[in-house]
PDB file of all heavy atoms in Angstrom:
ATOM      1  N   ASP A   1      60.001  65.561 123.123  1.00  0.00           N
ATOM      2  CA  ASP A   1      60.361  64.567 124.139  1.00  0.00           C
ATOM      3  C   ASP A   1      59.087  64.040 124.786  1.00  0.00           C
ATOM      4  O   ASP A   1      58.863  64.197 125.987  1.00  0.00           O
ATOM      5  CB  ASP A   1      61.285  65.238 125.173  1.00  0.00           C
ATOM      6  CG  ASP A   1      61.715  64.316 126.285  1.00  0.00           C
ATOM      7  OD1 ASP A   1      61.808  63.091 126.048  1.00  0.00           O
ATOM      8  OD2 ASP A   1      61.952  64.820 127.398  1.00  0.00           O
ATOM      9  N   ARG A   2      58.219  63.405 123.985  1.00  0.00           N
ATOM     10  CA  ARG A   2      56.919  62.970 124.486  1.00  0.00           C
ATOM     11  C   ARG A   2      57.042  61.898 125.564  1.00  0.00           C
ATOM     12  O   ARG A   2      56.151  61.734 126.392  1.00  0.00           O
ATOM     13  CB  ARG A   2      56.057  62.477 123.327  1.00  0.00           C
ATOM     14  CG  ARG A   2      55.603  63.599 122.399  1.00  0.00           C
ATOM     15  CD  ARG A   2      54.785  63.091 121.218  1.00  0.00           C
ATOM     16  NE  ARG A   2      55.609  62.407 120.241  1.00  0.00           N
ATOM     17  CZ  ARG A   2      55.120  61.850 119.137  1.00  0.00           C
ATOM     18  NH1 ARG A   2      53.837  61.886 118.894  1.00  0.00           N
ATOM     19  NH2 ARG A   2      55.919  61.249 118.278  1.00  0.00           N
ATOM     20  N   ARG A   3      58.161  61.149 125.568  1.00  0.00           N
ATOM     21  CA  ARG A   3      58.356  60.100 126.574  1.00  0.00           C
ATOM     22  C   ARG A   3      58.983  60.631 127.854  1.00  0.00           C
ATOM     23  O   ARG A   3      59.058  59.937 128.864  1.00  0.00           O
ATOM     24  CB  ARG A   3      59.229  58.975 126.004  1.00  0.00           C
ATOM     25  CG  ARG A   3      58.608  58.223 124.837  1.00  0.00           C
ATOM     26  CD  ARG A   3      59.608  57.246 124.254  1.00  0.00           C
ATOM     27  NE  ARG A   3      60.780  57.938 123.719  1.00  0.00           N
ATOM     28  CZ  ARG A   3      62.014  57.443 123.680  1.00  0.00           C
ATOM     29  NH1 ARG A   3      62.250  56.237 124.188  1.00  0.00           N
ATOM     30  NH2 ARG A   3      62.995  58.140 123.152  1.00  0.00           N
ATOM     31  N   GLY A   4      59.485  61.861 127.823  1.00  0.00           N
ATOM     32  CA  GLY A   4      60.079  62.463 129.001  1.00  0.00           C
ATOM     33  C   GLY A   4      61.410  61.857 129.395  1.00  0.00           C
ATOM     34  O   GLY A   4      61.668  61.648 130.589  1.00  0.00           O
ATOM     35  N   VAL A   5      62.296  61.587 128.411  1.00  0.00           N
ATOM     36  CA  VAL A   5      63.574  60.942 128.710  1.00  0.00           C
ATOM     37  C   VAL A   5      64.759  61.916 128.694  1.00  0.00           C
ATOM     38  O   VAL A   5      65.857  61.574 129.145  1.00  0.00           O
ATOM     39  CB  VAL A   5      63.851  59.794 127.709  1.00  0.00           C
ATOM     40  CG1 VAL A   5      62.781  58.725 127.817  1.00  0.00           C
ATOM     41  CG2 VAL A   5      63.961  60.302 126.274  1.00  0.00           C
ATOM     42  N   VAL A   6      64.560  63.124 128.193  1.00  0.00           N
ATOM     43  CA  VAL A   6      65.664  64.080 128.088  1.00  0.00           C
ATOM     44  C   VAL A   6      66.017  64.633 129.466  1.00  0.00           C
ATOM     45  O   VAL A   6      65.137  64.973 130.263  1.00  0.00           O
ATOM     46  CB  VAL A   6      65.300  65.225 127.117  1.00  0.00           C
ATOM     47  CG1 VAL A   6      66.341  66.347 127.174  1.00  0.00           C
ATOM     48  CG2 VAL A   6      65.177  64.695 125.697  1.00  0.00           C
ATOM     49  N   THR A   7      67.318  64.739 129.729  1.00  0.00           N
ATOM     50  CA  THR A   7      67.799  65.243 131.012  1.00  0.00           C
ATOM     51  C   THR A   7      68.479  66.598 130.841  1.00  0.00           C
ATOM     52  O   THR A   7      69.022  66.905 129.774  1.00  0.00           O
ATOM     53  CB  THR A   7      68.786  64.254 131.650  1.00  0.00           C
ATOM     54  OG1 THR A   7      69.845  63.976 130.714  1.00  0.00           O
ATOM     55  CG2 THR A   7      68.085  62.939 131.987  1.00  0.00           C
ATOM     56  N   LEU A   8      68.477  67.392 131.896  1.00  0.00           N
ATOM     57  CA  LEU A   8      68.974  68.766 131.824  1.00  0.00           C
ATOM     58  C   LEU A   8      70.497  68.880 131.789  1.00  0.00           C
ATOM     59  O   LEU A   8      71.030  69.984 131.713  1.00  0.00           O
ATOM     60  CB  LEU A   8      68.430  69.569 133.003  1.00  0.00           C
ATOM     61  CG  LEU A   8      66.945  69.941 132.914  1.00  0.00           C
ATOM     62  CD1 LEU A   8      66.458  70.491 134.245  1.00  0.00           C
ATOM     63  CD2 LEU A   8      66.705  70.929 131.800  1.00  0.00           C
ATOM     64  N   ASP A   9      71.206  67.739 131.833  1.00  0.00           N
ATOM     65  CA  ASP A   9      72.660  67.804 131.774  1.00  0.00           C
ATOM     66  C   ASP A   9      73.181  67.767 130.329  1.00  0.00           C
ATOM     67  O   ASP A   9      74.385  67.765 130.107  1.00  0.00           O
ATOM     68  CB  ASP A   9      73.286  66.654 132.572  1.00  0.00           C
ATOM     69  CG  ASP A   9      72.890  65.285 132.020  1.00  0.00           C
ATOM     70  OD1 ASP A   9      71.880  65.198 131.284  1.00  0.00           O
ATOM     71  OD2 ASP A   9      73.584  64.304 132.332  1.00  0.00           O
ATOM     72  N   LYS A  10      72.274  67.756 129.323  1.00  0.00           N
ATOM     73  CA  LYS A  10      72.700  67.669 127.934  1.00  0.00           C
ATOM     74  C   LYS A  10      73.214  69.013 127.430  1.00  0.00           C
ATOM     75  O   LYS A  10      72.909  70.076 127.977  1.00  0.00           O
ATOM     76  CB  LYS A  10      71.567  67.160 127.043  1.00  0.00           C
ATOM     77  CG  LYS A  10      70.912  65.862 127.516  1.00  0.00           C
ATOM     78  CD  LYS A  10      71.918  64.793 127.898  1.00  0.00           C
ATOM     79  CE  LYS A  10      72.656  64.196 126.712  1.00  0.00           C
ATOM     80  NZ  LYS A  10      73.571  63.102 127.121  1.00  0.00           N
ATOM     81  N   GLU A  11      74.007  68.946 126.378  1.00  0.00           N
ATOM     82  CA  GLU A  11      74.713  70.113 125.848  1.00  0.00           C
ATOM     83  C   GLU A  11      73.769  71.268 125.497  1.00  0.00           C
ATOM     84  O   GLU A  11      74.095  72.436 125.715  1.00  0.00           O
ATOM     85  CB  GLU A  11      75.492  69.702 124.586  1.00  0.00           C
ATOM     86  CG  GLU A  11      76.495  70.725 124.098  1.00  0.00           C
ATOM     87  CD  GLU A  11      77.714  70.836 124.990  1.00  0.00           C
ATOM     88  OE1 GLU A  11      77.918  69.953 125.848  1.00  0.00           O
ATOM     89  OE2 GLU A  11      78.457  71.817 124.838  1.00  0.00           O
ATOM     90  N   ILE A  12      72.602  70.944 124.954  1.00  0.00           N
ATOM     91  CA  ILE A  12      71.687  71.996 124.516  1.00  0.00           C
ATOM     92  C   ILE A  12      71.251  72.895 125.658  1.00  0.00           C
ATOM     93  O   ILE A  12      71.033  74.096 125.496  1.00  0.00           O
ATOM     94  CB  ILE A  12      70.449  71.381 123.819  1.00  0.00           C
ATOM     95  CG1 ILE A  12      69.648  72.449 123.099  1.00  0.00           C
ATOM     96  CG2 ILE A  12      69.581  70.605 124.800  1.00  0.00           C
ATOM     97  CD1 ILE A  12      70.366  73.074 121.937  1.00  0.00           C
ATOM     98  N   PHE A  13      71.180  72.337 126.878  1.00  0.00           N
ATOM     99  CA  PHE A  13      70.801  73.133 128.042  1.00  0.00           C
ATOM    100  C   PHE A  13      72.005  73.864 128.638  1.00  0.00           C
ATOM    101  O   PHE A  13      71.881  74.972 129.137  1.00  0.00           O
ATOM    102  CB  PHE A  13      70.168  72.241 129.106  1.00  0.00           C
ATOM    103  CG  PHE A  13      68.878  71.608 128.681  1.00  0.00           C
ATOM    104  CD1 PHE A  13      68.821  70.248 128.409  1.00  0.00           C
ATOM    105  CD2 PHE A  13      67.724  72.354 128.535  1.00  0.00           C
ATOM    106  CE1 PHE A  13      67.635  69.645 128.014  1.00  0.00           C
ATOM    107  CE2 PHE A  13      66.529  71.768 128.149  1.00  0.00           C
ATOM    108  CZ  PHE A  13      66.486  70.408 127.882  1.00  0.00           C
ATOM    109  N   LYS A  14      73.178  73.253 128.587  1.00  0.00           N
ATOM    110  CA  LYS A  14      74.369  73.857 129.194  1.00  0.00           C
ATOM    111  C   LYS A  14      74.933  74.989 128.354  1.00  0.00           C
ATOM    112  O   LYS A  14      75.303  76.042 128.868  1.00  0.00           O
ATOM    113  CB  LYS A  14      75.453  72.787 129.391  1.00  0.00           C
ATOM    114  CG  LYS A  14      75.087  71.734 130.417  1.00  0.00           C
ATOM    115  CD  LYS A  14      76.259  70.827 130.719  1.00  0.00           C
ATOM    116  CE  LYS A  14      76.653  69.987 129.510  1.00  0.00           C
ATOM    117  NZ  LYS A  14      77.738  69.027 129.831  1.00  0.00           N
ATOM    118  N   LYS A  15      75.002  74.777 127.039  1.00  0.00           N
ATOM    119  CA  LYS A  15      75.701  75.721 126.173  1.00  0.00           C
ATOM    120  C   LYS A  15      74.837  76.910 125.770  1.00  0.00           C
ATOM    121  O   LYS A  15      75.316  77.934 125.339  1.00  0.00           O
ATOM    122  CB  LYS A  15      76.188  75.006 124.911  1.00  0.00           C
ATOM    123  CG  LYS A  15      77.535  75.495 124.408  1.00  0.00           C
ATOM    124  CD  LYS A  15      78.031  74.604 123.293  1.00  0.00           C
ATOM    125  CE  LYS A  15      79.486  74.936 122.982  1.00  0.00           C
ATOM    126  NZ  LYS A  15      80.006  74.117 121.886  1.00  0.00           N
ATOM    127  N   ASN A  16      73.525  76.759 125.876  1.00  0.00           N
ATOM    128  CA  ASN A  16      72.624  77.787 125.392  1.00  0.00           C
ATOM    129  C   ASN A  16      71.709  78.279 126.509  1.00  0.00           C
ATOM    130  O   ASN A  16      70.495  78.271 126.384  1.00  0.00           O
ATOM    131  CB  ASN A  16      71.778  77.223 124.242  1.00  0.00           C
ATOM    132  CG  ASN A  16      72.636  76.665 123.130  1.00  0.00           C
ATOM    133  OD1 ASN A  16      73.243  77.412 122.398  1.00  0.00           O
ATOM    134  ND2 ASN A  16      72.696  75.343 123.021  1.00  0.00           N
ATOM    135  N   ASN A  17      72.336  78.704 127.609  1.00  0.00           N
ATOM    136  CA  ASN A  17      71.531  79.001 128.787  1.00  0.00           C
ATOM    137  C   ASN A  17      70.650  80.238 128.626  1.00  0.00           C
ATOM    138  O   ASN A  17      69.791  80.487 129.463  1.00  0.00           O
ATOM    139  CB  ASN A  17      72.422  79.135 130.042  1.00  0.00           C
ATOM    140  CG  ASN A  17      73.564  80.124 129.828  1.00  0.00           C
ATOM    141  OD1 ASN A  17      73.696  80.702 128.759  1.00  0.00           O
ATOM    142  ND2 ASN A  17      74.380  80.307 130.845  1.00  0.00           N
ATOM    143  N   ASN A  18      70.834  81.018 127.553  1.00  0.00           N
ATOM    144  CA  ASN A  18      69.947  82.151 127.305  1.00  0.00           C
ATOM    145  C   ASN A  18      69.132  81.956 126.033  1.00  0.00           C
ATOM    146  O   ASN A  18      68.423  82.860 125.615  1.00  0.00           O
ATOM    147  CB  ASN A  18      70.760  83.447 127.196  1.00  0.00           C
ATOM    148  CG  ASN A  18      71.395  83.841 128.521  1.00  0.00           C
ATOM    149  OD1 ASN A  18      70.740  83.781 129.551  1.00  0.00           O
ATOM    150  ND2 ASN A  18      72.654  84.221 128.489  1.00  0.00           N
ATOM    151  N   ARG A  19      69.236  80.812 125.416  1.00  0.00           N
ATOM    152  CA  ARG A  19      68.570  80.551 124.147  1.00  0.00           C
ATOM    153  C   ARG A  19      67.169  79.991 124.401  1.00  0.00           C
ATOM    154  O   ARG A  19      66.967  79.192 125.309  1.00  0.00           O
ATOM    155  CB  ARG A  19      69.401  79.555 123.352  1.00  0.00           C
ATOM    156  CG  ARG A  19      68.936  79.312 121.928  1.00  0.00           C
ATOM    157  CD  ARG A  19      70.016  78.512 121.243  1.00  0.00           C
ATOM    158  NE  ARG A  19      69.633  78.053 119.942  1.00  0.00           N
ATOM    159  CZ  ARG A  19      70.345  77.161 119.249  1.00  0.00           C
ATOM    160  NH1 ARG A  19      71.450  76.655 119.773  1.00  0.00           N
ATOM    161  NH2 ARG A  19      69.969  76.789 118.049  1.00  0.00           N
ATOM    162  N   THR A  20      66.220  80.424 123.593  1.00  0.00           N
ATOM    163  CA  THR A  20      64.850  79.964 123.773  1.00  0.00           C
ATOM    164  C   THR A  20      64.724  78.490 123.404  1.00  0.00           C
ATOM    165  O   THR A  20      65.132  78.065 122.320  1.00  0.00           O
ATOM    166  CB  THR A  20      63.893  80.800 122.912  1.00  0.00           C
ATOM    167  OG1 THR A  20      64.024  82.178 123.270  1.00  0.00           O
ATOM    168  CG2 THR A  20      62.455  80.359 123.132  1.00  0.00           C
ATOM    169  N   ILE A  21      64.154  77.707 124.305  1.00  0.00           N
ATOM    170  CA  ILE A  21      63.947  76.274 124.088  1.00  0.00           C
ATOM    171  C   ILE A  21      62.482  75.951 124.370  1.00  0.00           C
ATOM    172  O   ILE A  21      61.946  76.336 125.415  1.00  0.00           O
ATOM    173  CB  ILE A  21      64.859  75.433 125.001  1.00  0.00           C
ATOM    174  CG1 ILE A  21      66.338  75.673 124.656  1.00  0.00           C
ATOM    175  CG2 ILE A  21      64.523  73.933 124.883  1.00  0.00           C
ATOM    176  CD1 ILE A  21      67.311  75.010 125.624  1.00  0.00           C
ATOM    177  N   ILE A  22      61.823  75.287 123.421  1.00  0.00           N
ATOM    178  CA  ILE A  22      60.485  74.761 123.648  1.00  0.00           C
ATOM    179  C   ILE A  22      60.627  73.261 123.858  1.00  0.00           C
ATOM    180  O   ILE A  22      61.116  72.540 122.990  1.00  0.00           O
ATOM    181  CB  ILE A  22      59.554  75.070 122.463  1.00  0.00           C
ATOM    182  CG1 ILE A  22      59.377  76.584 122.323  1.00  0.00           C
ATOM    183  CG2 ILE A  22      58.196  74.379 122.642  1.00  0.00           C
ATOM    184  CD1 ILE A  22      58.565  76.996 121.116  1.00  0.00           C
ATOM    185  N   TRP A  23      60.216  72.803 125.025  1.00  0.00           N
ATOM    186  CA  TRP A  23      60.427  71.415 125.426  1.00  0.00           C
ATOM    187  C   TRP A  23      59.075  70.709 125.509  1.00  0.00           C
ATOM    188  O   TRP A  23      58.266  70.992 126.392  1.00  0.00           O
ATOM    189  CB  TRP A  23      61.137  71.395 126.783  1.00  0.00           C
ATOM    190  CG  TRP A  23      61.614  70.053 127.259  1.00  0.00           C
ATOM    191  CD1 TRP A  23      61.573  68.873 126.592  1.00  0.00           C
ATOM    192  CD2 TRP A  23      62.211  69.779 128.533  1.00  0.00           C
ATOM    193  NE1 TRP A  23      62.115  67.867 127.353  1.00  0.00           N
ATOM    194  CE2 TRP A  23      62.509  68.400 128.553  1.00  0.00           C
ATOM    195  CE3 TRP A  23      62.521  70.553 129.642  1.00  0.00           C
ATOM    196  CZ2 TRP A  23      63.098  67.794 129.650  1.00  0.00           C
ATOM    197  CZ3 TRP A  23      63.099  69.949 130.726  1.00  0.00           C
ATOM    198  CH2 TRP A  23      63.401  68.584 130.731  1.00  0.00           C
ATOM    199  N   VAL A  24      58.802  69.829 124.544  1.00  0.00           N
ATOM    200  CA  VAL A  24      57.587  69.030 124.563  1.00  0.00           C
ATOM    201  C   VAL A  24      57.834  67.846 125.496  1.00  0.00           C
ATOM    202  O   VAL A  24      58.599  66.943 125.187  1.00  0.00           O
ATOM    203  CB  VAL A  24      57.206  68.539 123.148  1.00  0.00           C
ATOM    204  CG1 VAL A  24      55.946  67.686 123.202  1.00  0.00           C
ATOM    205  CG2 VAL A  24      57.018  69.719 122.204  1.00  0.00           C
ATOM    206  N   ASN A  25      57.213  67.880 126.661  1.00  0.00           N
ATOM    207  CA  ASN A  25      57.498  66.892 127.697  1.00  0.00           C
ATOM    208  C   ASN A  25      56.220  66.620 128.474  1.00  0.00           C
ATOM    209  O   ASN A  25      55.627  67.534 129.048  1.00  0.00           O
ATOM    210  CB  ASN A  25      58.597  67.433 128.631  1.00  0.00           C
ATOM    211  CG  ASN A  25      59.040  66.436 129.675  1.00  0.00           C
ATOM    212  OD1 ASN A  25      58.225  65.705 130.230  1.00  0.00           O
ATOM    213  ND2 ASN A  25      60.324  66.415 129.970  1.00  0.00           N
ATOM    214  N   ASN A  26      55.775  65.365 128.493  1.00  0.00           N
ATOM    215  CA  ASN A  26      54.516  65.014 129.149  1.00  0.00           C
ATOM    216  C   ASN A  26      54.670  64.557 130.591  1.00  0.00           C
ATOM    217  O   ASN A  26      53.695  64.190 131.236  1.00  0.00           O
ATOM    218  CB  ASN A  26      53.807  63.909 128.353  1.00  0.00           C
ATOM    219  CG  ASN A  26      53.204  64.455 127.083  1.00  0.00           C
ATOM    220  OD1 ASN A  26      52.674  65.550 127.075  1.00  0.00           O
ATOM    221  ND2 ASN A  26      53.299  63.712 126.010  1.00  0.00           N
ATOM    222  N   THR A  27      55.887  64.554 131.100  1.00  0.00           N
ATOM    223  CA  THR A  27      56.104  64.118 132.481  1.00  0.00           C
ATOM    224  C   THR A  27      56.167  65.327 133.411  1.00  0.00           C
ATOM    225  O   THR A  27      56.271  66.475 132.967  1.00  0.00           O
ATOM    226  CB  THR A  27      57.418  63.325 132.597  1.00  0.00           C
ATOM    227  OG1 THR A  27      58.523  64.177 132.233  1.00  0.00           O
ATOM    228  CG2 THR A  27      57.401  62.127 131.665  1.00  0.00           C
ATOM    229  N   ASN A  28      56.114  65.081 134.694  1.00  0.00           N
ATOM    230  CA  ASN A  28      56.275  66.152 135.664  1.00  0.00           C
ATOM    231  C   ASN A  28      57.763  66.413 135.865  1.00  0.00           C
ATOM    232  O   ASN A  28      58.490  65.572 136.396  1.00  0.00           O
ATOM    233  CB  ASN A  28      55.627  65.762 137.002  1.00  0.00           C
ATOM    234  CG  ASN A  28      54.117  65.670 136.881  1.00  0.00           C
ATOM    235  OD1 ASN A  28      53.499  66.487 136.223  1.00  0.00           O
ATOM    236  ND2 ASN A  28      53.528  64.659 137.526  1.00  0.00           N
ATOM    237  N   VAL A  29      58.212  67.571 135.424  1.00  0.00           N
ATOM    238  CA  VAL A  29      59.648  67.892 135.495  1.00  0.00           C
ATOM    239  C   VAL A  29      60.109  67.938 136.943  1.00  0.00           C
ATOM    240  O   VAL A  29      61.225  67.540 137.270  1.00  0.00           O
ATOM    241  CB  VAL A  29      59.933  69.222 134.776  1.00  0.00           C
ATOM    242  CG1 VAL A  29      61.391  69.627 134.965  1.00  0.00           C
ATOM    243  CG2 VAL A  29      59.603  69.090 133.292  1.00  0.00           C
ATOM    244  N   GLY A  30      59.263  68.423 137.841  1.00  0.00           N
ATOM    245  CA  GLY A  30      59.564  68.326 139.265  1.00  0.00           C
ATOM    246  C   GLY A  30      60.320  69.487 139.857  1.00  0.00           C
ATOM    247  O   GLY A  30      60.535  69.539 141.059  1.00  0.00           O
ATOM    248  N   HIS A  31      60.757  70.435 139.038  1.00  0.00           N
ATOM    249  CA  HIS A  31      61.429  71.606 139.582  1.00  0.00           C
ATOM    250  C   HIS A  31      61.253  72.769 138.623  1.00  0.00           C
ATOM    251  O   HIS A  31      60.892  72.593 137.458  1.00  0.00           O
ATOM    252  CB  HIS A  31      62.927  71.329 139.814  1.00  0.00           C
ATOM    253  CG  HIS A  31      63.615  70.745 138.616  1.00  0.00           C
ATOM    254  ND1 HIS A  31      64.058  71.514 137.563  1.00  0.00           N
ATOM    255  CD2 HIS A  31      63.915  69.464 138.302  1.00  0.00           C
ATOM    256  CE1 HIS A  31      64.604  70.720 136.659  1.00  0.00           C
ATOM    257  NE2 HIS A  31      64.522  69.470 137.072  1.00  0.00           N
ATOM    258  N   GLU A  32      61.507  73.956 139.115  1.00  0.00           N
ATOM    259  CA  GLU A  32      61.311  75.155 138.303  1.00  0.00           C
ATOM    260  C   GLU A  32      62.380  75.239 137.216  1.00  0.00           C
ATOM    261  O   GLU A  32      63.568  75.013 137.475  1.00  0.00           O
ATOM    262  CB  GLU A  32      61.351  76.398 139.188  1.00  0.00           C
ATOM    263  CG  GLU A  32      60.979  77.671 138.464  1.00  0.00           C
ATOM    264  CD  GLU A  32      60.898  78.861 139.398  1.00  0.00           C
ATOM    265  OE1 GLU A  32      60.934  78.645 140.632  1.00  0.00           O
ATOM    266  OE2 GLU A  32      60.805  79.987 138.894  1.00  0.00           O
ATOM    267  N   LEU A  33      61.956  75.569 136.002  1.00  0.00           N
ATOM    268  CA  LEU A  33      62.874  75.672 134.878  1.00  0.00           C
ATOM    269  C   LEU A  33      63.278  77.122 134.642  1.00  0.00           C
ATOM    270  O   LEU A  33      62.550  78.050 135.013  1.00  0.00           O
ATOM    271  CB  LEU A  33      62.218  75.125 133.612  1.00  0.00           C
ATOM    272  CG  LEU A  33      61.906  73.629 133.591  1.00  0.00           C
ATOM    273  CD1 LEU A  33      61.051  73.286 132.380  1.00  0.00           C
ATOM    274  CD2 LEU A  33      63.192  72.810 133.581  1.00  0.00           C
ATOM    275  N   PRO A  34      64.448  77.345 134.021  1.00  0.00           N
ATOM    276  CA  PRO A  34      64.832  78.714 133.644  1.00  0.00           C
ATOM    277  C   PRO A  34      63.779  79.342 132.731  1.00  0.00           C
ATOM    278  O   PRO A  34      63.028  78.643 132.044  1.00  0.00           O
ATOM    279  CB  PRO A  34      66.156  78.506 132.894  1.00  0.00           C
ATOM    280  CG  PRO A  34      66.671  77.191 133.377  1.00  0.00           C
ATOM    281  CD  PRO A  34      65.471  76.356 133.659  1.00  0.00           C
ATOM    282  N   LYS A  35      63.718  80.663 132.700  1.00  0.00           N
ATOM    283  CA  LYS A  35      62.680  81.369 131.953  1.00  0.00           C
ATOM    284  C   LYS A  35      62.784  81.154 130.440  1.00  0.00           C
ATOM    285  O   LYS A  35      61.800  81.365 129.729  1.00  0.00           O
ATOM    286  CB  LYS A  35      62.740  82.864 132.272  1.00  0.00           C
ATOM    287  CG  LYS A  35      62.337  83.193 133.706  1.00  0.00           C
ATOM    288  CD  LYS A  35      62.371  84.687 133.961  1.00  0.00           C
ATOM    289  CE  LYS A  35      61.944  85.010 135.384  1.00  0.00           C
ATOM    290  NZ  LYS A  35      61.979  86.485 135.655  1.00  0.00           N
TER     291      LYS A  35
END
């Protein structure tokens, strides 16, 4: 997600809340993310 357009309300974040996710994001997310 080099443009920083992905939002945390998408299925991948909701359904897999314990699954490891590597998020390539060049923007300032602005809040603390889950571990």
